[in-house]
C-alpha atoms as a PDB file:
ATOM      1  CA  UNK A   1     102.760 135.831 169.557  1.00  0.00           C
ATOM      2  CA  UNK A   2     103.223 135.284 165.683  1.00  0.00           C
ATOM      3  CA  UNK A   3     106.255 135.435 164.083  1.00  0.00           C
ATOM      4  CA  UNK A   4     106.790 135.059 160.239  1.00  0.00           C
ATOM      5  CA  UNK A   5     109.939 134.861 158.453  1.00  0.00           C
ATOM      6  CA  UNK A   6     109.125 135.732 154.966  1.00  0.00           C
ATOM      7  CA  UNK A   7     112.611 134.769 153.302  1.00  0.00           C
ATOM      8  CA  UNK A   8     114.591 132.694 155.303  1.00  0.00           C
ATOM      9  CA  UNK A   9     116.743 130.851 153.066  1.00  0.00           C
ATOM     10  CA  UNK A  10     119.567 132.835 152.250  1.00  0.00           C
ATOM     11  CA  UNK A  11     120.099 133.820 156.103  1.00  0.00           C
ATOM     12  CA  UNK A  12     119.845 129.891 156.851  1.00  0.00           C
ATOM     13  CA  UNK A  13     119.972 127.385 154.007  1.00  0.00           C
ATOM     14  CA  UNK A  14     120.034 124.611 156.590  1.00  0.00           C
ATOM     15  CA  UNK A  15     123.354 125.297 158.460  1.00  0.00           C
ATOM     16  CA  UNK A  16     121.928 127.625 161.405  1.00  0.00           C
ATOM     17  CA  UNK A  17     119.221 127.137 163.591  1.00  0.00           C
ATOM     18  CA  UNK A  18     115.862 129.330 164.239  1.00  0.00           C
ATOM     19  CA  UNK A  19     115.473 127.923 167.715  1.00  0.00           C
ATOM     20  CA  UNK A  20     116.414 131.247 169.146  1.00  0.00           C
ATOM     21  CA  UNK A  21     113.504 133.058 167.742  1.00  0.00           C
ATOM     22  CA  UNK A  22     111.151 130.020 168.370  1.00  0.00           C
ATOM     23  CA  UNK A  23     111.254 130.990 172.384  1.00  0.00           C
ATOM     24  CA  UNK A  24     109.357 133.985 171.560  1.00  0.00           C
ATOM     25  CA  UNK A  25     106.166 132.578 170.008  1.00  0.00           C
ATOM     26  CA  UNK A  26     104.606 130.668 167.098  1.00  0.00           C
ATOM     27  CA  UNK A  27     107.136 130.732 164.599  1.00  0.00           C
ATOM     28  CA  UNK A  28     106.719 130.311 160.922  1.00  0.00           C
ATOM     29  CA  UNK A  29     109.318 130.319 158.468  1.00  0.00           C
ATOM     30  CA  UNK A  30     109.154 130.630 154.651  1.00  0.00           C
ATOM     31  CA  UNK A  31     112.460 129.982 152.599  1.00  0.00           C
ATOM     32  CA  UNK A  32     111.383 132.601 149.760  1.00  0.00           C
ATOM     33  CA  UNK A  33     108.069 134.887 148.812  1.00  0.00           C
ATOM     34  CA  UNK A  34     107.664 135.947 145.757  1.00  0.00           C
ATOM     35  CA  UNK A  35     108.594 140.195 146.113  1.00  0.00           C
ATOM     36  CA  UNK A  36     106.264 141.078 143.345  1.00  0.00           C
ATOM     37  CA  UNK A  37     103.206 139.490 144.659  1.00  0.00           C
ATOM     38  CA  UNK A  38     101.670 141.556 147.529  1.00  0.00           C
ATOM     39  CA  UNK A  39      98.697 139.407 147.872  1.00  0.00           C
ATOM     40  CA  UNK A  40     101.148 136.529 148.831  1.00  0.00           C
ATOM     41  CA  UNK A  41     102.896 138.761 150.970  1.00  0.00           C
ATOM     42  CA  UNK A  42      99.931 139.891 153.008  1.00  0.00           C
ATOM     43  CA  UNK A  43      98.579 136.133 153.041  1.00  0.00           C
ATOM     44  CA  UNK A  44     101.941 134.821 154.685  1.00  0.00           C
ATOM     45  CA  UNK A  45     101.981 137.620 157.067  1.00  0.00           C
ATOM     46  CA  UNK A  46      98.440 137.033 157.953  1.00  0.00           C
ATOM     47  CA  UNK A  47      97.778 138.011 161.866  1.00  0.00           C
ATOM     48  CA  UNK A  48     101.551 137.649 162.595  1.00  0.00           C
ATOM     49  CA  UNK A  49     102.514 140.442 165.071  1.00  0.00           C
ATOM     50  CA  UNK A  50     106.595 140.325 164.405  1.00  0.00           C
ATOM     51  CA  UNK A  51     107.403 139.998 160.427  1.00  0.00           C
ATOM     52  CA  UNK A  52     111.108 139.061 159.747  1.00  0.00           C
ATOM     53  CA  UNK A  53     112.264 139.709 156.313  1.00  0.00           C
ATOM     54  CA  UNK A  54     115.586 140.134 154.311  1.00  0.00           C
ATOM     55  CA  UNK A  55     114.531 141.222 150.856  1.00  0.00           C
ATOM     56  CA  UNK A  56     111.014 140.983 150.606  1.00  0.00           C
ATOM     57  CA  UNK A  57     109.348 144.039 150.827  1.00  0.00           C
ATOM     58  CA  UNK A  58     107.150 145.426 153.207  1.00  0.00           C
ATOM     59  CA  UNK A  59     105.229 148.489 151.487  1.00  0.00           C
ATOM     60  CA  UNK A  60     102.428 150.759 152.820  1.00  0.00           C
ATOM     61  CA  UNK A  61      99.931 148.494 151.474  1.00  0.00           C
ATOM     62  CA  UNK A  62     101.161 145.235 152.827  1.00  0.00           C
ATOM     63  CA  UNK A  63     101.129 147.304 156.385  1.00  0.00           C
ATOM     64  CA  UNK A  64      97.392 148.639 155.688  1.00  0.00           C
ATOM     65  CA  UNK A  65      96.437 144.931 154.936  1.00  0.00           C
ATOM     66  CA  UNK A  66      97.871 143.480 158.281  1.00  0.00           C
ATOM     67  CA  UNK A  67      97.308 145.555 160.760  1.00  0.00           C
ATOM     68  CA  UNK A  68      98.610 143.083 163.797  1.00  0.00           C
ATOM     69  CA  UNK A  69     101.846 144.186 162.785  1.00  0.00           C
ATOM     70  CA  UNK A  70     103.947 145.612 165.920  1.00  0.00           C
ATOM     71  CA  UNK A  71     107.642 144.851 165.019  1.00  0.00           C
ATOM     72  CA  UNK A  72     109.420 144.427 161.729  1.00  0.00           C
ATOM     73  CA  UNK A  73     113.128 142.801 162.089  1.00  0.00           C
ATOM     74  CA  UNK A  74     115.226 143.195 159.002  1.00  0.00           C
ATOM     75  CA  UNK A  75     118.002 140.494 158.124  1.00  0.00           C
ATOM     76  CA  UNK A  76     120.253 142.867 157.257  1.00  0.00           C
ATOM     77  CA  UNK A  77     121.884 146.301 157.311  1.00  0.00           C
ATOM     78  CA  UNK A  78     120.123 147.676 154.864  1.00  0.00           C
ATOM     79  CA  UNK A  79     116.572 148.365 155.208  1.00  0.00           C
ATOM     80  CA  UNK A  80     115.079 150.305 152.095  1.00  0.00           C
ATOM     81  CA  UNK A  81     112.752 146.937 151.225  1.00  0.00           C
ATOM     82  CA  UNK A  82     110.395 148.445 154.302  1.00  0.00           C
ATOM     83  CA  UNK A  83     108.356 151.590 154.015  1.00  0.00           C
ATOM     84  CA  UNK A  84     109.849 152.941 157.451  1.00  0.00           C
ATOM     85  CA  UNK A  85     107.724 155.959 157.044  1.00  0.00           C
ATOM     86  CA  UNK A  86     104.716 154.293 156.950  1.00  0.00           C
ATOM     87  CA  UNK A  87     105.472 151.967 159.649  1.00  0.00           C
ATOM     88  CA  UNK A  88     106.736 154.712 161.773  1.00  0.00           C
ATOM     89  CA  UNK A  89     102.860 156.295 161.351  1.00  0.00           C
ATOM     90  CA  UNK A  90     101.673 153.153 162.466  1.00  0.00           C
ATOM     91  CA  UNK A  91     103.522 152.810 165.359  1.00  0.00           C
ATOM     92  CA  UNK A  92     105.491 149.943 164.086  1.00  0.00           C
ATOM     93  CA  UNK A  93     108.969 149.644 164.850  1.00  0.00           C
ATOM     94  CA  UNK A  94     111.492 148.438 162.570  1.00  0.00           C
ATOM     95  CA  UNK A  95     115.321 147.344 163.576  1.00  0.00           C
ATOM     96  CA  UNK A  96     117.959 146.161 161.377  1.00  0.00           C
ATOM     97  CA  UNK A  97     121.422 144.486 161.863  1.00  0.00           C
ATOM     98  CA  UNK A  98     124.150 146.951 162.110  1.00  0.00           C
ATOM     99  CA  UNK A  99     127.959 145.893 161.352  1.00  0.00           C
ATOM    100  CA  UNK A 100     127.466 142.178 161.079  1.00  0.00           C
ATOM    101  CA  UNK A 101     129.819 141.590 157.862  1.00  0.00           C
ATOM    102  CA  UNK A 102     132.781 143.872 158.389  1.00  0.00           C
ATOM    103  CA  UNK A 103     135.349 140.864 158.076  1.00  0.00           C
ATOM    104  CA  UNK A 104     133.537 139.168 155.715  1.00  0.00           C
ATOM    105  CA  UNK A 105     132.853 141.894 153.374  1.00  0.00           C
ATOM    106  CA  UNK A 106     136.301 143.443 153.515  1.00  0.00           C
ATOM    107  CA  UNK A 107     137.766 139.867 153.041  1.00  0.00           C
ATOM    108  CA  UNK A 108     135.630 139.211 150.033  1.00  0.00           C
ATOM    109  CA  UNK A 109     136.640 142.604 148.240  1.00  0.00           C
ATOM    110  CA  UNK A 110     140.427 141.785 148.741  1.00  0.00           C
ATOM    111  CA  UNK A 111     139.696 138.019 147.463  1.00  0.00           C
ATOM    112  CA  UNK A 112     138.210 139.656 144.531  1.00  0.00           C
ATOM    113  CA  UNK A 113     141.344 141.958 144.171  1.00  0.00           C
ATOM    114  CA  UNK A 114     143.740 138.859 144.272  1.00  0.00           C
ATOM    115  CA  UNK A 115     142.058 136.589 141.552  1.00  0.00           C
ATOM    116  CA  UNK A 116     142.062 139.564 139.051  1.00  0.00           C
ATOM    117  CA  UNK A 117     145.887 139.933 140.146  1.00  0.00           C
ATOM    118  CA  UNK A 118     146.570 136.180 139.836  1.00  0.00           C
ATOM    119  CA  UNK A 119     143.804 134.520 137.997  1.00  0.00           C
ATOM    120  CA  UNK A 120     144.353 131.411 140.452  1.00  0.00           C
ATOM    121  CA  UNK A 121     140.887 129.920 139.505  1.00  0.00           C
ATOM    122  CA  UNK A 122     141.640 130.052 135.539  1.00  0.00           C
ATOM    123  CA  UNK A 123     145.262 128.864 136.227  1.00  0.00           C
ATOM    124  CA  UNK A 124     143.977 125.747 138.252  1.00  0.00           C
ATOM    125  CA  UNK A 125     141.202 124.897 135.537  1.00  0.00           C
ATOM    126  CA  UNK A 126     144.144 124.965 133.025  1.00  0.00           C
ATOM    127  CA  UNK A 127     146.352 122.775 135.046  1.00  0.00           C
ATOM    128  CA  UNK A 128     143.547 120.202 135.498  1.00  0.00           C
ATOM    129  CA  UNK A 129     142.821 120.432 131.551  1.00  0.00           C
ATOM    130  CA  UNK A 130     146.104 119.129 130.917  1.00  0.00           C
ATOM    131  CA  UNK A 131     147.822 122.006 130.097  1.00  0.00           C
ATOM    132  CA  UNK A 132     150.582 122.135 132.810  1.00  0.00           C
ATOM    133  CA  UNK A 133     151.410 118.244 131.858  1.00  0.00           C
ATOM    134  CA  UNK A 134     151.828 119.176 128.056  1.00  0.00           C
ATOM    135  CA  UNK A 135     153.847 122.007 128.671  1.00  0.00           C
ATOM    136  CA  UNK A 136     157.587 122.214 127.372  1.00  0.00           C
ATOM    137  CA  UNK A 137     158.399 124.634 130.280  1.00  0.00           C
ATOM    138  CA  UNK A 138     158.118 124.038 134.230  1.00  0.00           C
ATOM    139  CA  UNK A 139     155.399 127.174 134.107  1.00  0.00           C
ATOM    140  CA  UNK A 140     153.324 128.884 132.479  1.00  0.00           C
ATOM    141  CA  UNK A 141     151.131 132.012 132.951  1.00  0.00           C
ATOM    142  CA  UNK A 142     148.054 132.797 130.942  1.00  0.00           C
ATOM    143  CA  UNK A 143     147.099 136.252 132.447  1.00  0.00           C
ATOM    144  CA  UNK A 144     149.291 139.215 133.441  1.00  0.00           C
ATOM    145  CA  UNK A 145     150.243 138.584 137.025  1.00  0.00           C
ATOM    146  CA  UNK A 146     150.271 141.769 139.337  1.00  0.00           C
ATOM    147  CA  UNK A 147     152.152 142.543 142.451  1.00  0.00           C
ATOM    148  CA  UNK A 148     150.168 144.792 144.940  1.00  0.00           C
ATOM    149  CA  UNK A 149     152.985 146.222 147.332  1.00  0.00           C
ATOM    150  CA  UNK A 150     153.613 149.880 146.409  1.00  0.00           C
ATOM    151  CA  UNK A 151     150.204 150.135 144.465  1.00  0.00           C
ATOM    152  CA  UNK A 152     147.564 152.698 145.761  1.00  0.00           C
ATOM    153  CA  UNK A 153     144.072 151.746 146.804  1.00  0.00           C
ATOM    154  CA  UNK A 154     141.368 154.415 146.896  1.00  0.00           C
ATOM    155  CA  UNK A 155     138.468 153.457 149.129  1.00  0.00           C
ATOM    156  CA  UNK A 156     135.147 155.464 148.467  1.00  0.00           C
ATOM    157  CA  UNK A 157     133.437 155.281 151.843  1.00  0.00           C
ATOM    158  CA  UNK A 158     135.251 154.534 154.729  1.00  0.00           C
ATOM    159  CA  UNK A 159     133.176 153.325 157.496  1.00  0.00           C
ATOM    160  CA  UNK A 160     133.618 149.992 159.300  1.00  0.00           C
ATOM    161  CA  UNK A 161     133.958 147.962 156.144  1.00  0.00           C
ATOM    162  CA  UNK A 162     136.318 150.415 154.354  1.00  0.00           C
ATOM    163  CA  UNK A 163     138.534 150.748 156.954  1.00  0.00           C
ATOM    164  CA  UNK A 164     138.783 147.046 157.352  1.00  0.00           C
ATOM    165  CA  UNK A 165     139.401 146.776 153.706  1.00  0.00           C
ATOM    166  CA  UNK A 166     142.147 149.650 153.991  1.00  0.00           C
ATOM    167  CA  UNK A 167     143.849 147.771 156.831  1.00  0.00           C
ATOM    168  CA  UNK A 168     144.155 144.316 154.825  1.00  0.00           C
ATOM    169  CA  UNK A 169     145.581 146.481 151.706  1.00  0.00           C
ATOM    170  CA  UNK A 170     148.072 148.093 154.057  1.00  0.00           C
ATOM    171  CA  UNK A 171     149.248 144.430 154.915  1.00  0.00           C
ATOM    172  CA  UNK A 172     149.860 143.959 151.365  1.00  0.00           C
ATOM    173  CA  UNK A 173     152.011 146.784 151.097  1.00  0.00           C
ATOM    174  CA  UNK A 174     149.547 149.116 149.381  1.00  0.00           C
ATOM    175  CA  UNK A 175     149.282 152.983 150.000  1.00  0.00           C
ATOM    176  CA  UNK A 176     145.793 153.682 150.970  1.00  0.00           C
ATOM    177  CA  UNK A 177     143.453 156.942 150.059  1.00  0.00           C
ATOM    178  CA  UNK A 178     139.951 157.204 151.373  1.00  0.00           C
ATOM    179  CA  UNK A 179     136.720 159.455 150.658  1.00  0.00           C
ATOM    180  CA  UNK A 180     134.583 159.956 153.340  1.00  0.00           C
ATOM    181  CA  UNK A 181     132.223 162.749 154.824  1.00  0.00           C
ATOM    182  CA  UNK A 182     133.341 161.898 158.291  1.00  0.00           C
ATOM    183  CA  UNK A 183     137.009 162.036 158.550  1.00  0.00           C
ATOM    184  CA  UNK A 184     138.601 160.638 162.121  1.00  0.00           C
ATOM    185  CA  UNK A 185     141.835 159.622 163.891  1.00  0.00           C
ATOM    186  CA  UNK A 186     140.750 155.770 163.416  1.00  0.00           C
ATOM    187  CA  UNK A 187     140.613 156.379 159.429  1.00  0.00           C
ATOM    188  CA  UNK A 188     143.673 158.840 159.586  1.00  0.00           C
ATOM    189  CA  UNK A 189     145.758 155.758 160.956  1.00  0.00           C
ATOM    190  CA  UNK A 190     144.587 153.459 157.709  1.00  0.00           C
ATOM    191  CA  UNK A 191     144.632 156.176 154.919  1.00  0.00           C
ATOM    192  CA  UNK A 192     145.088 159.623 153.717  1.00  0.00           C
ATOM    193  CA  UNK A 193     141.615 161.560 153.213  1.00  0.00           C
ATOM    194  CA  UNK A 194     141.591 162.975 150.104  1.00  0.00           C
ATOM    195  CA  UNK A 195     139.030 164.484 147.744  1.00  0.00           C
ATOM    196  CA  UNK A 196     137.115 162.416 144.931  1.00  0.00           C
ATOM    197  CA  UNK A 197     139.054 163.471 142.339  1.00  0.00           C
ATOM    198  CA  UNK A 198     142.459 163.002 143.764  1.00  0.00           C
ATOM    199  CA  UNK A 199     141.441 159.587 144.730  1.00  0.00           C
ATOM    200  CA  UNK A 200     140.091 158.782 141.426  1.00  0.00           C
ATOM    201  CA  UNK A 201     143.270 160.334 139.558  1.00  0.00           C
ATOM    202  CA  UNK A 202     145.905 158.651 141.784  1.00  0.00           C
ATOM    203  CA  UNK A 203     144.555 155.147 142.420  1.00  0.00           C
ATOM    204  CA  UNK A 204     145.763 151.627 140.807  1.00  0.00           C
ATOM    205  CA  UNK A 205     142.575 149.985 142.771  1.00  0.00           C
ATOM    206  CA  UNK A 206     139.194 151.711 143.644  1.00  0.00           C
ATOM    207  CA  UNK A 207     136.823 149.858 146.097  1.00  0.00           C
ATOM    208  CA  UNK A 208     133.498 150.988 146.530  1.00  0.00           C
ATOM    209  CA  UNK A 209     132.187 150.782 150.148  1.00  0.00           C
ATOM    210  CA  UNK A 210     129.699 153.586 150.469  1.00  0.00           C
ATOM    211  CA  UNK A 211     126.285 153.634 150.892  1.00  0.00           C
ATOM    212  CA  UNK A 212     123.672 153.923 148.447  1.00  0.00           C
ATOM    213  CA  UNK A 213     122.126 157.657 148.690  1.00  0.00           C
ATOM    214  CA  UNK A 214     121.158 160.232 146.018  1.00  0.00           C
ATOM    215  CA  UNK A 215     124.682 162.064 145.925  1.00  0.00           C
ATOM    216  CA  UNK A 216     126.727 158.183 145.493  1.00  0.00           C
ATOM    217  CA  UNK A 217     123.940 156.634 143.143  1.00  0.00           C
ATOM    218  CA  UNK A 218     125.636 156.061 139.610  1.00  0.00           C
ATOM    219  CA  UNK A 219     129.020 157.772 141.035  1.00  0.00           C
ATOM    220  CA  UNK A 220     131.183 155.497 138.853  1.00  0.00           C
ATOM    221  CA  UNK A 221     130.198 156.889 135.491  1.00  0.00           C
ATOM    222  CA  UNK A 222     131.754 157.757 132.176  1.00  0.00           C
ATOM    223  CA  UNK A 223     132.739 160.996 133.643  1.00  0.00           C
ATOM    224  CA  UNK A 224     134.370 159.884 136.485  1.00  0.00           C
ATOM    225  CA  UNK A 225     135.674 156.815 134.921  1.00  0.00           C
ATOM    226  CA  UNK A 226     137.309 159.366 132.401  1.00  0.00           C
ATOM    227  CA  UNK A 227     139.433 160.764 135.606  1.00  0.00           C
ATOM    228  CA  UNK A 228     140.846 157.263 136.436  1.00  0.00           C
ATOM    229  CA  UNK A 229     144.244 156.077 135.808  1.00  0.00           C
ATOM    230  CA  UNK A 230     144.570 154.106 132.724  1.00  0.00           C
ATOM    231  CA  UNK A 231     144.748 150.276 133.832  1.00  0.00           C
ATOM    232  CA  UNK A 232     142.785 150.600 137.013  1.00  0.00           C
ATOM    233  CA  UNK A 233     141.098 148.039 138.875  1.00  0.00           C
ATOM    234  CA  UNK A 234     137.401 148.874 140.316  1.00  0.00           C
ATOM    235  CA  UNK A 235     135.793 146.704 142.972  1.00  0.00           C
ATOM    236  CA  UNK A 236     132.389 146.833 144.230  1.00  0.00           C
ATOM    237  CA  UNK A 237     130.739 144.748 146.739  1.00  0.00           C
ATOM    238  CA  UNK A 238     128.374 147.651 148.286  1.00  0.00           C
ATOM    239  CA  UNK A 239     125.537 148.278 146.114  1.00  0.00           C
ATOM    240  CA  UNK A 240     125.288 147.771 142.505  1.00  0.00           C
ATOM    241  CA  UNK A 241     123.279 151.161 141.770  1.00  0.00           C
ATOM    242  CA  UNK A 242     126.716 152.837 142.614  1.00  0.00           C
ATOM    243  CA  UNK A 243     127.687 152.052 138.917  1.00  0.00           C
ATOM    244  CA  UNK A 244     126.347 153.141 135.606  1.00  0.00           C
ATOM    245  CA  UNK A 245     126.744 149.518 133.988  1.00  0.00           C
ATOM    246  CA  UNK A 246     126.989 150.460 130.420  1.00  0.00           C
ATOM    247  CA  UNK A 247     129.777 153.125 131.312  1.00  0.00           C
ATOM    248  CA  UNK A 248     131.505 150.349 133.148  1.00  0.00           C
ATOM    249  CA  UNK A 249     131.066 147.927 130.224  1.00  0.00           C
ATOM    250  CA  UNK A 250     132.477 150.324 127.637  1.00  0.00           C
ATOM    251  CA  UNK A 251     135.499 151.430 129.821  1.00  0.00           C
ATOM    252  CA  UNK A 252     136.606 147.552 130.152  1.00  0.00           C
ATOM    253  CA  UNK A 253     136.015 146.783 126.339  1.00  0.00           C
ATOM    254  CA  UNK A 254     137.906 149.590 125.548  1.00  0.00           C
ATOM    255  CA  UNK A 255     140.952 148.833 128.046  1.00  0.00           C
ATOM    256  CA  UNK A 256     140.243 152.164 130.055  1.00  0.00           C
ATOM    257  CA  UNK A 257     140.047 150.180 133.117  1.00  0.00           C
ATOM    258  CA  UNK A 258     141.938 146.881 133.055  1.00  0.00           C
ATOM    259  CA  UNK A 259     139.378 144.964 135.127  1.00  0.00           C
ATOM    260  CA  UNK A 260     136.511 145.248 137.601  1.00  0.00           C
ATOM    261  CA  UNK A 261     135.365 142.913 140.571  1.00  0.00           C
ATOM    262  CA  UNK A 262     131.713 142.957 141.200  1.00  0.00           C
ATOM    263  CA  UNK A 263     129.737 141.412 143.837  1.00  0.00           C
ATOM    264  CA  UNK A 264     126.722 143.547 143.001  1.00  0.00           C
ATOM    265  CA  UNK A 265     124.998 144.985 140.052  1.00  0.00           C
ATOM    266  CA  UNK A 266     121.938 147.020 139.669  1.00  0.00           C
ATOM    267  CA  UNK A 267     119.287 144.533 139.444  1.00  0.00           C
ATOM    268  CA  UNK A 268     119.440 141.087 141.345  1.00  0.00           C
ATOM    269  CA  UNK A 269     119.459 138.566 140.523  1.00  0.00           C
ATOM    270  CA  UNK A 270     121.346 139.780 137.236  1.00  0.00           C
ATOM    271  CA  UNK A 271     119.429 140.229 134.153  1.00  0.00           C
ATOM    272  CA  UNK A 272     120.514 138.285 131.110  1.00  0.00           C
ATOM    273  CA  UNK A 273     120.978 141.136 129.047  1.00  0.00           C
ATOM    274  CA  UNK A 274     123.323 143.108 131.498  1.00  0.00           C
ATOM    275  CA  UNK A 275     126.007 144.635 129.847  1.00  0.00           C
ATOM    276  CA  UNK A 276     128.493 143.467 132.328  1.00  0.00           C
ATOM    277  CA  UNK A 277     128.127 139.711 131.748  1.00  0.00           C
ATOM    278  CA  UNK A 278     129.997 140.521 128.104  1.00  0.00           C
ATOM    279  CA  UNK A 279     132.418 142.952 129.374  1.00  0.00           C
ATOM    280  CA  UNK A 280     136.090 142.121 129.205  1.00  0.00           C
ATOM    281  CA  UNK A 281     137.823 141.134 132.214  1.00  0.00           C
ATOM    282  CA  UNK A 282     134.957 141.431 134.487  1.00  0.00           C
ATOM    283  CA  UNK A 283     134.262 139.123 137.445  1.00  0.00           C
ATOM    284  CA  UNK A 284     131.093 138.899 138.760  1.00  0.00           C
ATOM    285  CA  UNK A 285     129.922 136.836 141.837  1.00  0.00           C
ATOM    286  CA  UNK A 286     126.288 136.403 143.064  1.00  0.00           C
ATOM    287  CA  UNK A 287     126.196 138.964 146.183  1.00  0.00           C
ATOM    288  CA  UNK A 288     127.798 136.692 148.712  1.00  0.00           C
ATOM    289  CA  UNK A 289     130.055 138.762 150.289  1.00  0.00           C
ATOM    290  CA  UNK A 290     128.255 138.754 153.175  1.00  0.00           C
ATOM    291  CA  UNK A 291     127.298 135.117 153.405  1.00  0.00           C
ATOM    292  CA  UNK A 292     129.872 133.145 155.606  1.00  0.00           C
ATOM    293  CA  UNK A 293     128.591 131.356 158.162  1.00  0.00           C
ATOM    294  CA  UNK A 294     129.908 133.415 160.800  1.00  0.00           C
ATOM    295  CA  UNK A 295     128.115 136.250 159.529  1.00  0.00           C
ATOM    296  CA  UNK A 296     124.961 134.910 159.068  1.00  0.00           C
ATOM    297  CA  UNK A 297     125.060 133.622 162.335  1.00  0.00           C
ATOM    298  CA  UNK A 298     125.625 137.137 163.568  1.00  0.00           C
ATOM    299  CA  UNK A 299     122.608 138.194 161.681  1.00  0.00           C
ATOM    300  CA  UNK A 300     121.026 135.719 163.532  1.00  0.00           C
ATOM    301  CA  UNK A 301     122.146 136.394 167.199  1.00  0.00           C
ATOM    302  CA  UNK A 302     121.193 140.291 166.744  1.00  0.00           C
ATOM    303  CA  UNK A 303     117.757 139.693 165.194  1.00  0.00           C
ATOM    304  CA  UNK A 304     116.994 137.626 168.227  1.00  0.00           C
ATOM    305  CA  UNK A 305     118.619 140.518 170.580  1.00  0.00           C
ATOM    306  CA  UNK A 306     116.266 143.114 168.466  1.00  0.00           C
ATOM    307  CA  UNK A 307     113.256 141.076 168.858  1.00  0.00           C
ATOM    308  CA  UNK A 308     113.676 140.409 172.660  1.00  0.00           C
ATOM    309  CA  UNK A 309     114.437 144.351 173.261  1.00  0.00           C
ATOM    310  CA  UNK A 310     111.064 145.329 171.569  1.00  0.00           C
ATOM    311  CA  UNK A 311     109.368 142.674 173.507  1.00  0.00           C
ATOM    312  CA  UNK A 312     110.823 143.859 176.637  1.00  0.00           C
ATOM    313  CA  UNK A 313     109.791 147.634 175.598  1.00  0.00           C
ATOM    314  CA  UNK A 314     113.283 148.865 175.134  1.00  0.00           C
ATOM    315  CA  UNK A 315     114.184 148.300 171.189  1.00  0.00           C
ATOM    316  CA  UNK A 316     117.422 148.591 169.914  1.00  0.00           C
ATOM    317  CA  UNK A 317     119.128 149.307 166.222  1.00  0.00           C
ATOM    318  CA  UNK A 318     115.652 150.952 165.259  1.00  0.00           C
ATOM    319  CA  UNK A 319     115.794 152.567 161.796  1.00  0.00           C
ATOM    320  CA  UNK A 320     112.580 154.336 161.957  1.00  0.00           C
ATOM    321  CA  UNK A 321     112.649 156.059 165.556  1.00  0.00           C
END
């Protein structure tokens, strides 16, 4: 049994172990594979029976060139990097890792919000630069400081991550509104389900936790921003394509929105000409909400279980059945 990992570095930069996967066959691990070079992808897969990928695409052309593939394990929840329909036509099973990052991603959304509200890192840098030592007063602040208690958070997408973000917002004293196609009692214990227009109009903070679907692509755009409160804060650590980035940059630069906290953008790594890089009050981090060691260990453990279940004839977490 040959197993190849096409892009293992972000999952395991050296602080985890691939030893569990090694028990199932001859394991080859590549830190990175050029996602634009199908010839390289095909060469690296070679005669492998099992392909493990995170962001390296496995297209129909790759599948055609690699007839030994029996199983594809995606080191993530999103699996759009694999042509699942083409895999299904070839009886190739594709599995993903669901719900591994609920705690980490929700925590990171709140971390971005708290940084926007307090600018702790900016103030620390100013202290280290000597500003407090030279200050005639016992304190100073270079940015408005925002208290969240009593304000309203609107969450677009109220699955596991959205609900966990809502729980933390509640703990901070916030009211929570939610937009979701699937209302249920657990969600109602955390938030009030409302229409999108109501959420946009009433929320002081809007957090995106919805999947990228045709109906959600570009859901934050000039028209929906116009329906938001003046001075609202936008958070996105779901998918960058949920936002029309020029429209958001315009809203930040005009002052319509106070700030944005973004862990994802439309093209990653971010392009130097992305308008958000020059926008006012725009906090951008490099898609790391998911990357706590604890979350990555859960990915590793689930991927091992996915491989084991497939080899035992009872595949789990299948996304192309």
